Amino acid sequence: MDANLNRLKKELKDIGQIPAHVAIIMDGNGRWAQEKNLPLGEGHKEGVKTVQKIVRISGEIGVKVLTLYTFSKENWKRPPKEVTFLMKLLRSTVFKEIEELMENDVKLILSGDIEGLPVSQKKAMEYGIKKTKNNNGLVLNLALNYGGRTEIVNAIRTIVADFDENKISYKDINEELVSNYLYTKNLPDPDLIIRTGGELRLSNFLLWQSSYSELYISKKYWPDFNEEDFCNALLDFSRRERRFGGRKIER
């Protein structure tokens, strides 16, 4: 695997078209566990190991921002036992991985409703964000307690409030202004969105930001997704022609 991975990394370097912002819908932990007759939690634990691998390779090959769909607003509807397990796993992972994030100059940020998290998880995230705030390498953005529609609704509410307070005029309202009211206001829109598990939908993820993102679907479940798969997704991206609504002019 190492030889093939090194070949893929070299090919990416030679092409020189690494997407600045990669976002991933990490799907399939539960199905991975079920097919192996394992407890559901084992799938989530294996998923964390994949996160570690993809964060490392992202920093190595020059991705600037990696956004991971970690826990959605809709995920609260899952069985309480699973939600409790996921929250405990989140907290323990932040503290366990913080030193490696520091060693690799990774900056941790969050997109989502941090106030809606349990106190313990909120404090863990605040600790990780504060600890890594001065790092200058890969930006690791966790979409946590996140919903795309909620994000847009909250932006509209804040825009209306600022309009009422005469902070902005209706003439100021354009796409750039709306983007600056989103969770991701300081980030570029994702160039590439990867979804594992074979499903063909965005699942309320980065709805505004993904208007011209390239999509890549892997049939592999997230625990089985590895560095080679990630590099192959980026190579696929590098071969695409992005026209942003325009048309290639034949000469």
Protein backbone atom coordinates (compact mmCIF):
# COMPACT_ATOMS: atom_id res chain seq x y z
CA MET A 1 0.00 0.00 0.00
CA ASP A 2 2.83 2.40 0.86
CA ALA A 3 4.35 2.17 -2.62
CA ASN A 4 1.02 2.77 -4.32
CA LEU A 5 0.17 5.61 -1.95
CA ASN A 6 3.51 7.26 -2.62
CA ARG A 7 2.85 6.94 -6.36
CA LEU A 8 -0.55 8.60 -5.96
CA LYS A 9 0.92 11.40 -3.85
CA LYS A 10 3.61 12.03 -6.45
CA GLU A 11 1.03 12.07 -9.23
CA LEU A 12 -1.02 14.64 -7.31
CA LYS A 13 2.08 16.75 -6.74
CA ASP A 14 3.02 16.59 -10.43
CA ILE A 15 -0.48 17.59 -11.54
CA GLY A 16 -0.53 20.42 -9.02
CA GLN A 17 -4.30 20.77 -8.77
CA ILE A 18 -5.00 19.96 -5.15
CA PRO A 19 -8.46 21.23 -4.11
CA ALA A 20 -8.11 23.94 -1.48
CA HIS A 21 -11.21 22.83 0.44
CA VAL A 22 -12.38 19.23 0.64
CA ALA A 23 -15.58 18.37 2.50
CA ILE A 24 -16.57 14.83 3.40
CA ILE A 25 -19.88 13.22 4.30
CA MET A 26 -18.61 10.32 6.40
CA ASP A 27 -21.32 7.73 5.84
CA GLY A 28 -21.50 4.02 6.54
CA ASN A 29 -20.22 3.46 10.09
CA GLY A 30 -23.42 1.72 11.15
CA ARG A 31 -23.72 -0.44 8.05
CA TRP A 32 -20.05 -1.41 8.36
CA ALA A 33 -20.67 -2.66 11.90
CA GLN A 34 -23.92 -4.44 11.02
CA GLU A 35 -22.37 -6.34 8.12
CA LYS A 36 -19.61 -7.54 10.44
CA ASN A 37 -22.08 -8.43 13.22
CA LEU A 38 -20.38 -5.95 15.53
CA PRO A 39 -21.89 -3.47 17.97
CA LEU A 40 -22.77 -0.15 16.35
CA GLY A 41 -20.19 1.64 18.44
CA GLU A 42 -17.39 -0.36 16.82
CA GLY A 43 -18.28 1.22 13.49
CA HIS A 44 -18.00 4.69 14.96
CA LYS A 45 -14.66 3.84 16.60
CA GLU A 46 -13.29 2.59 13.29
CA GLY A 47 -14.63 5.76 11.68
CA VAL A 48 -12.47 7.83 14.04
CA LYS A 49 -9.41 5.89 12.86
CA THR A 50 -10.28 6.83 9.28
CA VAL A 51 -10.59 10.47 10.32
CA GLN A 52 -7.06 10.33 11.72
CA LYS A 53 -5.71 8.93 8.45
CA ILE A 54 -7.49 11.45 6.23
CA VAL A 55 -6.48 14.41 8.38
CA ARG A 56 -2.83 13.34 8.15
CA ILE A 57 -2.82 12.80 4.39
CA SER A 58 -4.70 16.06 3.80
CA GLY A 59 -2.00 18.02 5.57
CA GLU A 60 0.76 16.12 3.76
CA ILE A 61 -0.51 16.76 0.25
CA GLY A 62 -1.47 20.40 0.71
CA VAL A 63 -5.23 20.53 1.25
CA LYS A 64 -5.92 23.84 3.01
CA VAL A 65 -9.33 23.10 4.57
CA LEU A 66 -10.89 19.74 5.44
CA THR A 67 -14.54 19.85 6.54
CA LEU A 68 -15.97 16.70 8.09
CA TYR A 69 -19.72 16.18 8.56
CA THR A 70 -19.36 15.00 12.12
CA PHE A 71 -22.86 15.22 13.64
CA SER A 72 -25.95 16.73 12.07
CA LYS A 73 -28.98 18.39 13.61
CA GLU A 74 -30.97 15.37 12.43
CA ASN A 75 -28.65 12.92 14.21
CA TRP A 76 -30.29 13.81 17.53
CA LYS A 77 -33.21 11.67 16.30
CA ARG A 78 -31.09 8.54 16.58
CA PRO A 79 -31.57 6.17 19.54
CA PRO A 80 -30.47 7.88 22.79
CA LYS A 81 -27.89 5.17 23.47
CA GLU A 82 -26.17 5.83 20.14
CA VAL A 83 -26.26 9.62 20.61
CA THR A 84 -24.73 9.29 24.09
CA PHE A 85 -22.00 7.04 22.69
CA LEU A 86 -21.23 9.50 19.88
CA MET A 87 -21.02 12.44 22.29
CA LYS A 88 -18.64 10.55 24.58
CA LEU A 89 -16.55 9.51 21.58
CA LEU A 90 -16.39 13.11 20.38
CA ARG A 91 -15.14 14.36 23.73
CA SER A 92 -12.54 11.63 24.20
CA THR A 93 -11.27 12.01 20.63
CA VAL A 94 -10.69 15.75 20.99
CA PHE A 95 -8.53 15.29 24.07
CA LYS A 96 -6.77 12.21 22.68
CA GLU A 97 -5.85 13.78 19.35
CA ILE A 98 -5.02 17.33 20.43
CA GLU A 99 -1.27 16.73 20.71
CA GLU A 100 -1.08 15.24 17.22
CA LEU A 101 -3.02 18.22 15.88
CA MET A 102 -0.46 20.49 17.52
CA GLU A 103 2.48 18.48 16.16
CA ASN A 104 1.06 18.69 12.63
CA ASP A 105 0.14 22.39 12.90
CA VAL A 106 -3.58 21.63 12.38
CA LYS A 107 -6.08 24.33 13.33
CA LEU A 108 -9.39 22.98 14.68
CA ILE A 109 -12.58 24.98 14.09
CA LEU A 110 -16.29 24.23 14.23
CA SER A 111 -19.22 24.94 11.91
CA GLY A 112 -22.50 24.44 13.70
CA ASP A 113 -24.45 25.27 16.83
CA ILE A 114 -21.89 24.83 19.62
CA GLU A 115 -24.39 26.17 22.17
CA GLY A 116 -26.65 23.20 21.40
CA LEU A 117 -24.02 20.67 22.49
CA PRO A 118 -23.96 19.06 25.94
CA VAL A 119 -21.77 21.02 28.36
CA SER A 120 -18.94 18.48 28.42
CA GLN A 121 -18.70 18.28 24.63
CA LYS A 122 -18.96 22.06 24.29
CA LYS A 123 -16.04 22.53 26.68
CA ALA A 124 -13.98 19.91 24.85
CA MET A 125 -14.52 21.67 21.53
CA GLU A 126 -13.77 25.08 23.02
CA TYR A 127 -10.54 23.65 24.46
CA GLY A 128 -9.48 22.17 21.11
CA ILE A 129 -10.29 25.37 19.23
CA LYS A 130 -8.41 27.55 21.71
CA LYS A 131 -5.42 25.20 21.90
CA THR A 132 -4.91 25.12 18.11
CA LYS A 133 -6.00 28.65 17.20
CA ASN A 134 -2.48 29.83 16.32
CA ASN A 135 -1.63 26.84 14.12
CA ASN A 136 -1.02 27.64 10.46
CA GLY A 137 -1.38 24.32 8.68
CA LEU A 138 -4.48 22.40 7.65
CA VAL A 139 -7.77 23.85 8.91
CA LEU A 140 -9.86 20.98 10.26
CA ASN A 141 -13.47 22.14 10.27
CA LEU A 142 -15.91 19.90 12.11
CA ALA A 143 -19.52 20.33 10.97
CA LEU A 144 -20.95 19.55 14.39
CA ASN A 145 -24.57 19.93 15.45
CA TYR A 146 -24.86 21.23 11.91
CA GLY A 147 -27.74 21.60 9.47
CA GLY A 148 -27.53 23.41 6.14
CA ARG A 149 -31.07 24.77 6.25
CA THR A 150 -30.68 25.87 9.86
CA GLU A 151 -27.47 27.65 8.91
CA ILE A 152 -29.24 29.59 6.16
CA VAL A 153 -32.25 30.43 8.36
CA ASN A 154 -29.94 31.70 11.11
CA ALA A 155 -28.09 33.83 8.57
CA ILE A 156 -31.36 35.36 7.37
CA ARG A 157 -32.42 36.13 10.94
CA THR A 158 -29.12 37.87 11.66
CA ILE A 159 -29.26 39.83 8.41
CA VAL A 160 -32.79 41.01 9.27
CA ALA A 161 -31.68 41.98 12.78
CA ASP A 162 -28.72 43.94 11.41
CA PHE A 163 -31.01 45.62 8.88
CA ASP A 164 -33.40 46.64 11.67
CA GLU A 165 -30.47 48.14 13.57
CA ASN A 166 -29.38 50.04 10.44
CA LYS A 167 -26.10 48.13 10.29
CA ILE A 168 -26.77 47.21 6.67
CA SER A 169 -28.96 48.47 3.84
CA TYR A 170 -31.09 46.24 1.62
CA LYS A 171 -28.78 47.32 -1.20
CA ASP A 172 -25.93 45.62 0.64
CA ILE A 173 -27.57 42.23 0.43
CA ASN A 174 -25.87 40.05 -2.16
CA GLU A 175 -24.28 36.61 -2.32
CA GLU A 176 -21.06 37.78 -0.70
CA LEU A 177 -22.91 39.33 2.23
CA VAL A 178 -25.01 36.20 2.81
CA SER A 179 -21.83 34.07 2.74
CA ASN A 180 -20.38 36.28 5.45
CA TYR A 181 -23.28 35.43 7.77
CA LEU A 182 -22.78 31.67 7.50
CA TYR A 183 -20.80 29.42 9.85
CA THR A 184 -18.15 29.13 7.13
CA LYS A 185 -17.75 32.89 6.61
CA ASN A 186 -13.96 32.74 6.80
CA LEU A 187 -13.57 29.67 4.59
CA PRO A 188 -13.59 29.19 0.81
CA ASP A 189 -16.47 27.16 -0.60
CA PRO A 190 -15.62 23.46 -0.94
CA ASP A 191 -14.04 22.52 -4.25
CA LEU A 192 -14.79 18.85 -3.73
CA ILE A 193 -17.40 17.02 -1.65
CA ILE A 194 -16.74 13.33 -1.04
CA ARG A 195 -19.49 11.03 0.20
CA THR A 196 -18.75 7.50 1.33
CA GLY A 197 -21.26 4.67 1.66
CA GLY A 198 -22.68 4.98 -1.86
CA GLU A 199 -25.63 7.28 -1.14
CA LEU A 200 -26.35 9.99 -3.73
CA ARG A 201 -27.47 13.00 -1.69
CA LEU A 202 -26.07 15.95 0.25
CA SER A 203 -28.11 15.28 3.40
CA ASN A 204 -28.49 18.95 4.36
CA PHE A 205 -24.74 19.54 4.16
CA LEU A 206 -23.26 22.88 3.04
CA LEU A 207 -26.28 23.67 0.90
CA TRP A 208 -25.26 27.25 0.12
CA GLN A 209 -21.55 26.59 -0.15
CA SER A 210 -21.81 23.56 -2.45
CA SER A 211 -23.43 25.33 -5.40
CA TYR A 212 -20.43 24.60 -7.65
CA SER A 213 -18.65 21.91 -5.68
CA GLU A 214 -17.57 18.78 -7.52
CA LEU A 215 -19.09 15.60 -6.09
CA TYR A 216 -17.34 12.27 -5.64
CA ILE A 217 -19.21 9.20 -4.39
CA SER A 218 -17.39 6.20 -2.95
CA LYS A 219 -19.26 2.96 -2.35
CA LYS A 220 -16.88 2.14 0.48
CA TYR A 221 -18.16 2.61 4.01
CA TRP A 222 -16.29 5.28 5.93
CA PRO A 223 -14.31 2.84 8.15
CA ASP A 224 -12.90 1.20 4.99
CA PHE A 225 -12.07 4.48 3.22
CA ASN A 226 -8.30 4.95 3.23
CA GLU A 227 -5.55 7.29 2.09
CA GLU A 228 -5.41 5.73 -1.38
CA ASP A 229 -9.16 6.21 -1.81
CA PHE A 230 -8.78 9.84 -0.78
CA CYS A 231 -5.93 10.45 -3.22
CA ASN A 232 -7.91 8.78 -6.01
CA ALA A 233 -10.83 11.11 -5.29
CA LEU A 234 -8.50 14.09 -5.57
CA LEU A 235 -7.01 12.75 -8.80
CA ASP A 236 -10.52 12.36 -10.21
CA PHE A 237 -11.17 15.98 -9.26
CA SER A 238 -7.97 17.13 -10.96
CA ARG A 239 -9.14 15.66 -14.28
CA ARG A 240 -12.43 17.53 -14.32
CA GLU A 241 -13.07 20.78 -16.13
CA ARG A 242 -14.83 23.26 -13.86
CA ARG A 243 -16.82 25.77 -15.91
CA PHE A 244 -18.98 27.36 -13.16
CA GLY A 245 -21.93 27.68 -15.52
CA GLY A 246 -19.85 28.78 -18.50
CA ARG A 247 -18.90 26.83 -21.59
CA LYS A 248 -15.55 25.74 -22.90
CA ILE A 249 -14.64 27.68 -26.01
CA GLU A 250 -13.27 25.52 -28.80
CA ARG A 251 -10.45 27.18 -30.72
